[in-house]
PDB file of all heavy atoms in Angstrom:
ATOM      1  N   SER A   1     -11.786   8.310 -24.238  1.00  0.00           N
ATOM      2  CA  SER A   1     -10.494   8.093 -23.576  1.00  0.00           C
ATOM      3  C   SER A   1     -10.643   7.672 -22.112  1.00  0.00           C
ATOM      4  O   SER A   1      -9.633   7.392 -21.457  1.00  0.00           O
ATOM      5  CB  SER A   1      -9.651   9.372 -23.653  1.00  0.00           C
ATOM      6  OG  SER A   1     -10.298  10.446 -22.995  1.00  0.00           O
ATOM      7  N   GLY A   2     -11.861   7.610 -21.608  1.00  0.00           N
ATOM      8  CA  GLY A   2     -12.094   7.184 -20.231  1.00  0.00           C
ATOM      9  C   GLY A   2     -12.752   5.817 -20.167  1.00  0.00           C
ATOM     10  O   GLY A   2     -12.772   5.065 -21.143  1.00  0.00           O
ATOM     11  N   ASN A   3     -13.311   5.501 -18.997  1.00  0.00           N
ATOM     12  CA  ASN A   3     -14.025   4.236 -18.836  1.00  0.00           C
ATOM     13  C   ASN A   3     -15.399   4.269 -19.482  1.00  0.00           C
ATOM     14  O   ASN A   3     -15.903   3.247 -19.968  1.00  0.00           O
ATOM     15  CB  ASN A   3     -14.185   3.912 -17.353  1.00  0.00           C
ATOM     16  CG  ASN A   3     -12.856   3.843 -16.623  1.00  0.00           C
ATOM     17  OD1 ASN A   3     -12.498   4.769 -15.907  1.00  0.00           O
ATOM     18  ND2 ASN A   3     -12.117   2.759 -16.817  1.00  0.00           N
ATOM     19  N   TYR A   4     -16.014   5.463 -19.461  1.00  0.00           N
ATOM     20  CA  TYR A   4     -17.361   5.622 -20.005  1.00  0.00           C
ATOM     21  C   TYR A   4     -17.465   6.959 -20.727  1.00  0.00           C
ATOM     22  O   TYR A   4     -16.711   7.893 -20.454  1.00  0.00           O
ATOM     23  CB  TYR A   4     -18.416   5.553 -18.885  1.00  0.00           C
ATOM     24  CG  TYR A   4     -18.429   4.226 -18.162  1.00  0.00           C
ATOM     25  CD1 TYR A   4     -17.772   4.086 -16.942  1.00  0.00           C
ATOM     26  CD2 TYR A   4     -19.072   3.121 -18.701  1.00  0.00           C
ATOM     27  CE1 TYR A   4     -17.762   2.871 -16.281  1.00  0.00           C
ATOM     28  CE2 TYR A   4     -19.072   1.902 -18.050  1.00  0.00           C
ATOM     29  CZ  TYR A   4     -18.418   1.773 -16.841  1.00  0.00           C
ATOM     30  OH  TYR A   4     -18.403   0.563 -16.189  1.00  0.00           O
ATOM     31  N   ARG A   5     -18.465   7.035 -21.616  1.00  0.00           N
ATOM     32  CA  ARG A   5     -18.697   8.275 -22.352  1.00  0.00           C
ATOM     33  C   ARG A   5     -19.749   9.162 -21.685  1.00  0.00           C
ATOM     34  O   ARG A   5     -19.845  10.352 -22.006  1.00  0.00           O
ATOM     35  CB  ARG A   5     -19.135   7.971 -23.786  1.00  0.00           C
ATOM     36  CG  ARG A   5     -18.046   7.334 -24.639  1.00  0.00           C
ATOM     37  CD  ARG A   5     -18.556   7.039 -26.038  1.00  0.00           C
ATOM     38  NE  ARG A   5     -17.537   6.384 -26.856  1.00  0.00           N
ATOM     39  CZ  ARG A   5     -16.668   7.017 -27.639  1.00  0.00           C
ATOM     40  NH1 ARG A   5     -16.709   8.344 -27.707  1.00  0.00           N
ATOM     41  NH2 ARG A   5     -15.776   6.346 -28.356  1.00  0.00           N
ATOM     42  N   THR A   6     -20.557   8.616 -20.787  1.00  0.00           N
ATOM     43  CA  THR A   6     -21.591   9.400 -20.116  1.00  0.00           C
ATOM     44  C   THR A   6     -21.446   9.277 -18.601  1.00  0.00           C
ATOM     45  O   THR A   6     -20.956   8.264 -18.082  1.00  0.00           O
ATOM     46  CB  THR A   6     -23.011   8.949 -20.507  1.00  0.00           C
ATOM     47  OG1 THR A   6     -23.267   7.648 -19.967  1.00  0.00           O
ATOM     48  CG2 THR A   6     -23.171   8.912 -22.026  1.00  0.00           C
ATOM     49  N   ILE A   7     -21.905  10.284 -17.907  1.00  0.00           N
ATOM     50  CA  ILE A   7     -21.865  10.265 -16.448  1.00  0.00           C
ATOM     51  C   ILE A   7     -22.859   9.241 -15.914  1.00  0.00           C
ATOM     52  O   ILE A   7     -22.598   8.564 -14.922  1.00  0.00           O
ATOM     53  CB  ILE A   7     -22.180  11.668 -15.891  1.00  0.00           C
ATOM     54  CG1 ILE A   7     -21.223  12.699 -16.496  1.00  0.00           C
ATOM     55  CG2 ILE A   7     -22.074  11.692 -14.362  1.00  0.00           C
ATOM     56  CD1 ILE A   7     -21.622  14.146 -16.221  1.00  0.00           C
ATOM     57  N   ARG A   8     -23.978   9.105 -16.590  1.00  0.00           N
ATOM     58  CA  ARG A   8     -24.982   8.125 -16.177  1.00  0.00           C
ATOM     59  C   ARG A   8     -24.399   6.717 -16.131  1.00  0.00           C
ATOM     60  O   ARG A   8     -24.628   5.954 -15.182  1.00  0.00           O
ATOM     61  CB  ARG A   8     -26.155   8.168 -17.153  1.00  0.00           C
ATOM     62  CG  ARG A   8     -27.243   7.102 -16.981  1.00  0.00           C
ATOM     63  CD  ARG A   8     -28.128   7.405 -15.799  1.00  0.00           C
ATOM     64  NE  ARG A   8     -27.552   6.997 -14.511  1.00  0.00           N
ATOM     65  CZ  ARG A   8     -27.884   7.522 -13.358  1.00  0.00           C
ATOM     66  NH1 ARG A   8     -28.764   8.482 -13.287  1.00  0.00           N
ATOM     67  NH2 ARG A   8     -27.329   7.100 -12.254  1.00  0.00           N
ATOM     68  N   GLU A   9     -23.626   6.349 -17.128  1.00  0.00           N
ATOM     69  CA  GLU A   9     -23.007   5.029 -17.146  1.00  0.00           C
ATOM     70  C   GLU A   9     -22.049   4.848 -15.974  1.00  0.00           C
ATOM     71  O   GLU A   9     -21.996   3.784 -15.358  1.00  0.00           O
ATOM     72  CB  GLU A   9     -22.254   4.820 -18.460  1.00  0.00           C
ATOM     73  CG  GLU A   9     -23.139   4.677 -19.691  1.00  0.00           C
ATOM     74  CD  GLU A   9     -22.316   4.609 -20.968  1.00  0.00           C
ATOM     75  OE1 GLU A   9     -21.524   5.546 -21.223  1.00  0.00           O
ATOM     76  OE2 GLU A   9     -22.463   3.621 -21.713  1.00  0.00           O
ATOM     77  N   ALA A  10     -21.296   5.896 -15.667  1.00  0.00           N
ATOM     78  CA  ALA A  10     -20.336   5.810 -14.557  1.00  0.00           C
ATOM     79  C   ALA A  10     -21.061   5.669 -13.224  1.00  0.00           C
ATOM     80  O   ALA A  10     -20.644   4.888 -12.350  1.00  0.00           O
ATOM     81  CB  ALA A  10     -19.438   7.040 -14.545  1.00  0.00           C
ATOM     82  N   LEU A  11     -22.155   6.403 -13.041  1.00  0.00           N
ATOM     83  CA  LEU A  11     -22.941   6.275 -11.805  1.00  0.00           C
ATOM     84  C   LEU A  11     -23.551   4.881 -11.686  1.00  0.00           C
ATOM     85  O   LEU A  11     -23.571   4.286 -10.601  1.00  0.00           O
ATOM     86  CB  LEU A  11     -24.028   7.341 -11.761  1.00  0.00           C
ATOM     87  CG  LEU A  11     -23.550   8.786 -11.551  1.00  0.00           C
ATOM     88  CD1 LEU A  11     -24.718   9.762 -11.735  1.00  0.00           C
ATOM     89  CD2 LEU A  11     -22.931   8.967 -10.165  1.00  0.00           C
ATOM     90  N   ASP A  12     -24.045   4.355 -12.792  1.00  0.00           N
ATOM     91  CA  ASP A  12     -24.598   2.997 -12.771  1.00  0.00           C
ATOM     92  C   ASP A  12     -23.527   1.982 -12.390  1.00  0.00           C
ATOM     93  O   ASP A  12     -23.771   1.054 -11.612  1.00  0.00           O
ATOM     94  CB  ASP A  12     -25.184   2.642 -14.138  1.00  0.00           C
ATOM     95  CG  ASP A  12     -26.476   3.393 -14.439  1.00  0.00           C
ATOM     96  OD1 ASP A  12     -27.082   3.934 -13.481  1.00  0.00           O
ATOM     97  OD2 ASP A  12     -26.870   3.454 -15.622  1.00  0.00           O
ATOM     98  N   ALA A  13     -22.345   2.161 -12.937  1.00  0.00           N
ATOM     99  CA  ALA A  13     -21.246   1.246 -12.621  1.00  0.00           C
ATOM    100  C   ALA A  13     -20.837   1.357 -11.163  1.00  0.00           C
ATOM    101  O   ALA A  13     -20.546   0.347 -10.508  1.00  0.00           O
ATOM    102  CB  ALA A  13     -20.050   1.541 -13.527  1.00  0.00           C
ATOM    103  N   ALA A  14     -20.828   2.573 -10.635  1.00  0.00           N
ATOM    104  CA  ALA A  14     -20.497   2.761  -9.220  1.00  0.00           C
ATOM    105  C   ALA A  14     -21.503   2.059  -8.324  1.00  0.00           C
ATOM    106  O   ALA A  14     -21.141   1.474  -7.295  1.00  0.00           O
ATOM    107  CB  ALA A  14     -20.441   4.246  -8.888  1.00  0.00           C
ATOM    108  N   GLY A  15     -22.760   2.077  -8.722  1.00  0.00           N
ATOM    109  CA  GLY A  15     -23.799   1.411  -7.936  1.00  0.00           C
ATOM    110  C   GLY A  15     -23.684  -0.099  -7.933  1.00  0.00           C
ATOM    111  O   GLY A  15     -24.176  -0.765  -7.017  1.00  0.00           O
ATOM    112  N   MET A  16     -23.018  -0.657  -8.933  1.00  0.00           N
ATOM    113  CA  MET A  16     -22.866  -2.105  -9.042  1.00  0.00           C
ATOM    114  C   MET A  16     -21.642  -2.622  -8.292  1.00  0.00           C
ATOM    115  O   MET A  16     -21.494  -3.825  -8.091  1.00  0.00           O
ATOM    116  CB  MET A  16     -22.749  -2.496 -10.518  1.00  0.00           C
ATOM    117  CG  MET A  16     -23.978  -2.163 -11.349  1.00  0.00           C
ATOM    118  SD  MET A  16     -25.420  -3.150 -10.878  1.00  0.00           S
ATOM    119  CE  MET A  16     -24.888  -4.760 -11.470  1.00  0.00           C
ATOM    120  N   ARG A  17     -20.763  -1.734  -7.893  1.00  0.00           N
ATOM    121  CA  ARG A  17     -19.512  -2.165  -7.272  1.00  0.00           C
ATOM    122  C   ARG A  17     -19.622  -2.212  -5.753  1.00  0.00           C
ATOM    123  O   ARG A  17     -20.301  -1.393  -5.143  1.00  0.00           O
ATOM    124  CB  ARG A  17     -18.381  -1.203  -7.638  1.00  0.00           C
ATOM    125  CG  ARG A  17     -18.009  -1.202  -9.105  1.00  0.00           C
ATOM    126  CD  ARG A  17     -16.710  -0.462  -9.312  1.00  0.00           C
ATOM    127  NE  ARG A  17     -16.328  -0.408 -10.721  1.00  0.00           N
ATOM    128  CZ  ARG A  17     -15.128  -0.028 -11.139  1.00  0.00           C
ATOM    129  NH1 ARG A  17     -14.206   0.339 -10.261  1.00  0.00           N
ATOM    130  NH2 ARG A  17     -14.846   0.003 -12.426  1.00  0.00           N
ATOM    131  N   ARG A  18     -18.901  -3.146  -5.163  1.00  0.00           N
ATOM    132  CA  ARG A  18     -18.686  -3.104  -3.726  1.00  0.00           C
ATOM    133  C   ARG A  18     -17.624  -2.052  -3.450  1.00  0.00           C
ATOM    134  O   ARG A  18     -16.551  -2.072  -4.051  1.00  0.00           O
ATOM    135  CB  ARG A  18     -18.197  -4.461  -3.205  1.00  0.00           C
ATOM    136  CG  ARG A  18     -19.258  -5.539  -3.203  1.00  0.00           C
ATOM    137  CD  ARG A  18     -18.733  -6.780  -2.511  1.00  0.00           C
ATOM    138  NE  ARG A  18     -19.733  -7.827  -2.446  1.00  0.00           N
ATOM    139  CZ  ARG A  18     -19.529  -9.011  -1.866  1.00  0.00           C
ATOM    140  NH1 ARG A  18     -18.356  -9.274  -1.308  1.00  0.00           N
ATOM    141  NH2 ARG A  18     -20.486  -9.915  -1.853  1.00  0.00           N
ATOM    142  N   ARG A  19     -17.914  -1.142  -2.543  1.00  0.00           N
ATOM    143  CA  ARG A  19     -16.964  -0.070  -2.317  1.00  0.00           C
ATOM    144  C   ARG A  19     -17.068   0.430  -0.888  1.00  0.00           C
ATOM    145  O   ARG A  19     -18.117   0.362  -0.256  1.00  0.00           O
ATOM    146  CB  ARG A  19     -17.216   1.086  -3.289  1.00  0.00           C
ATOM    147  CG  ARG A  19     -18.659   1.557  -3.340  1.00  0.00           C
ATOM    148  CD  ARG A  19     -18.903   2.508  -4.509  1.00  0.00           C
ATOM    149  NE  ARG A  19     -20.310   2.861  -4.605  1.00  0.00           N
ATOM    150  CZ  ARG A  19     -20.886   3.799  -3.872  1.00  0.00           C
ATOM    151  NH1 ARG A  19     -20.162   4.506  -3.021  1.00  0.00           N
ATOM    152  NH2 ARG A  19     -22.163   4.061  -4.001  1.00  0.00           N
ATOM    153  N   THR A  20     -15.975   0.926  -0.391  1.00  0.00           N
ATOM    154  CA  THR A  20     -15.946   1.569   0.912  1.00  0.00           C
ATOM    155  C   THR A  20     -15.255   2.913   0.752  1.00  0.00           C
ATOM    156  O   THR A  20     -14.380   3.075  -0.100  1.00  0.00           O
ATOM    157  CB  THR A  20     -15.166   0.730   1.943  1.00  0.00           C
ATOM    158  OG1 THR A  20     -13.838   0.509   1.454  1.00  0.00           O
ATOM    159  CG2 THR A  20     -15.861  -0.612   2.181  1.00  0.00           C
ATOM    160  N   GLY A  21     -15.639   3.868   1.556  1.00  0.00           N
ATOM    161  CA  GLY A  21     -15.037   5.185   1.460  1.00  0.00           C
ATOM    162  C   GLY A  21     -15.512   5.933   0.229  1.00  0.00           C
ATOM    163  O   GLY A  21     -16.488   5.569  -0.426  1.00  0.00           O
ATOM    164  N   ARG A  22     -14.793   6.971  -0.093  1.00  0.00           N
ATOM    165  CA  ARG A  22     -15.170   7.845  -1.202  1.00  0.00           C
ATOM    166  C   ARG A  22     -14.940   7.175  -2.546  1.00  0.00           C
ATOM    167  O   ARG A  22     -13.921   6.524  -2.774  1.00  0.00           O
ATOM    168  CB  ARG A  22     -14.334   9.120  -1.125  1.00  0.00           C
ATOM    169  CG  ARG A  22     -14.731  10.196  -2.111  1.00  0.00           C
ATOM    170  CD  ARG A  22     -15.991  10.898  -1.707  1.00  0.00           C
ATOM    171  NE  ARG A  22     -15.856  11.536  -0.408  1.00  0.00           N
ATOM    172  CZ  ARG A  22     -16.866  11.973   0.297  1.00  0.00           C
ATOM    173  NH1 ARG A  22     -18.102  11.804  -0.141  1.00  0.00           N
ATOM    174  NH2 ARG A  22     -16.668  12.553   1.461  1.00  0.00           N
ATOM    175  N   PHE A  23     -15.932   7.318  -3.457  1.00  0.00           N
ATOM    176  CA  PHE A  23     -15.813   6.802  -4.812  1.00  0.00           C
ATOM    177  C   PHE A  23     -15.737   8.005  -5.745  1.00  0.00           C
ATOM    178  O   PHE A  23     -16.671   8.802  -5.826  1.00  0.00           O
ATOM    179  CB  PHE A  23     -17.007   5.923  -5.166  1.00  0.00           C
ATOM    180  CG  PHE A  23     -16.824   5.123  -6.430  1.00  0.00           C
ATOM    181  CD1 PHE A  23     -16.296   3.844  -6.384  1.00  0.00           C
ATOM    182  CD2 PHE A  23     -17.181   5.657  -7.667  1.00  0.00           C
ATOM    183  CE1 PHE A  23     -16.118   3.108  -7.548  1.00  0.00           C
ATOM    184  CE2 PHE A  23     -17.015   4.935  -8.824  1.00  0.00           C
ATOM    185  CZ  PHE A  23     -16.482   3.646  -8.771  1.00  0.00           C
ATOM    186  N   ILE A  24     -14.608   8.119  -6.451  1.00  0.00           N
ATOM    187  CA  ILE A  24     -14.311   9.330  -7.213  1.00  0.00           C
ATOM    188  C   ILE A  24     -14.528   9.089  -8.701  1.00  0.00           C
ATOM    189  O   ILE A  24     -13.953   8.171  -9.298  1.00  0.00           O
ATOM    190  CB  ILE A  24     -12.866   9.782  -6.963  1.00  0.00           C
ATOM    191  CG1 ILE A  24     -12.652  10.032  -5.463  1.00  0.00           C
ATOM    192  CG2 ILE A  24     -12.537  11.034  -7.765  1.00  0.00           C
ATOM    193  CD1 ILE A  24     -11.200  10.178  -5.070  1.00  0.00           C
ATOM    194  N   ILE A  25     -15.356   9.927  -9.294  1.00  0.00           N
ATOM    195  CA  ILE A  25     -15.599   9.890 -10.733  1.00  0.00           C
ATOM    196  C   ILE A  25     -15.082  11.195 -11.332  1.00  0.00           C
ATOM    197  O   ILE A  25     -15.556  12.283 -10.985  1.00  0.00           O
ATOM    198  CB  ILE A  25     -17.100   9.723 -11.048  1.00  0.00           C
ATOM    199  CG1 ILE A  25     -17.620   8.410 -10.463  1.00  0.00           C
ATOM    200  CG2 ILE A  25     -17.340   9.773 -12.551  1.00  0.00           C
ATOM    201  CD1 ILE A  25     -19.134   8.232 -10.608  1.00  0.00           C
ATOM    202  N   TYR A  26     -14.093  11.078 -12.179  1.00  0.00           N
ATOM    203  CA  TYR A  26     -13.524  12.245 -12.852  1.00  0.00           C
ATOM    204  C   TYR A  26     -14.235  12.430 -14.191  1.00  0.00           C
ATOM    205  O   TYR A  26     -14.257  11.525 -15.029  1.00  0.00           O
ATOM    206  CB  TYR A  26     -12.019  12.042 -13.047  1.00  0.00           C
ATOM    207  CG  TYR A  26     -11.349  13.001 -13.996  1.00  0.00           C
ATOM    208  CD1 TYR A  26     -11.634  14.364 -13.985  1.00  0.00           C
ATOM    209  CD2 TYR A  26     -10.382  12.543 -14.893  1.00  0.00           C
ATOM    210  CE1 TYR A  26     -11.001  15.232 -14.845  1.00  0.00           C
ATOM    211  CE2 TYR A  26      -9.727  13.408 -15.759  1.00  0.00           C
ATOM    212  CZ  TYR A  26     -10.049  14.752 -15.734  1.00  0.00           C
ATOM    213  OH  TYR A  26      -9.417  15.616 -16.589  1.00  0.00           O
ATOM    214  N   VAL A  27     -14.822  13.621 -14.383  1.00  0.00           N
ATOM    215  CA  VAL A  27     -15.574  13.924 -15.595  1.00  0.00           C
ATOM    216  C   VAL A  27     -14.770  14.925 -16.419  1.00  0.00           C
ATOM    217  O   VAL A  27     -14.649  16.104 -16.055  1.00  0.00           O
ATOM    218  CB  VAL A  27     -16.966  14.501 -15.269  1.00  0.00           C
ATOM    219  CG1 VAL A  27     -17.775  14.682 -16.551  1.00  0.00           C
ATOM    220  CG2 VAL A  27     -17.708  13.587 -14.299  1.00  0.00           C
ATOM    221  N   LYS A  28     -14.209  14.449 -17.513  1.00  0.00           N
ATOM    222  CA  LYS A  28     -13.375  15.309 -18.346  1.00  0.00           C
ATOM    223  C   LYS A  28     -14.192  16.414 -19.010  1.00  0.00           C
ATOM    224  O   LYS A  28     -15.418  16.376 -19.070  1.00  0.00           O
ATOM    225  CB  LYS A  28     -12.659  14.482 -19.417  1.00  0.00           C
ATOM    226  CG  LYS A  28     -11.545  13.599 -18.879  1.00  0.00           C
ATOM    227  CD  LYS A  28     -10.761  12.967 -20.034  1.00  0.00           C
ATOM    228  CE  LYS A  28      -9.582  12.150 -19.542  1.00  0.00           C
ATOM    229  NZ  LYS A  28      -8.797  11.584 -20.670  1.00  0.00           N
ATOM    230  N   ALA A  29     -13.490  17.420 -19.514  1.00  0.00           N
ATOM    231  CA  ALA A  29     -14.121  18.571 -20.156  1.00  0.00           C
ATOM    232  C   ALA A  29     -15.102  18.122 -21.237  1.00  0.00           C
ATOM    233  O   ALA A  29     -14.842  17.178 -21.992  1.00  0.00           O
ATOM    234  CB  ALA A  29     -13.056  19.486 -20.745  1.00  0.00           C
TER     235      ALA A  29
END
């Protein structure tokens, strides 16, 4: 139901993005 099924995938995606300020990853139960 989210963008990714694993936290590793979300961290990898965050590393590929241009971003400023805080980058928030919500990890469901």
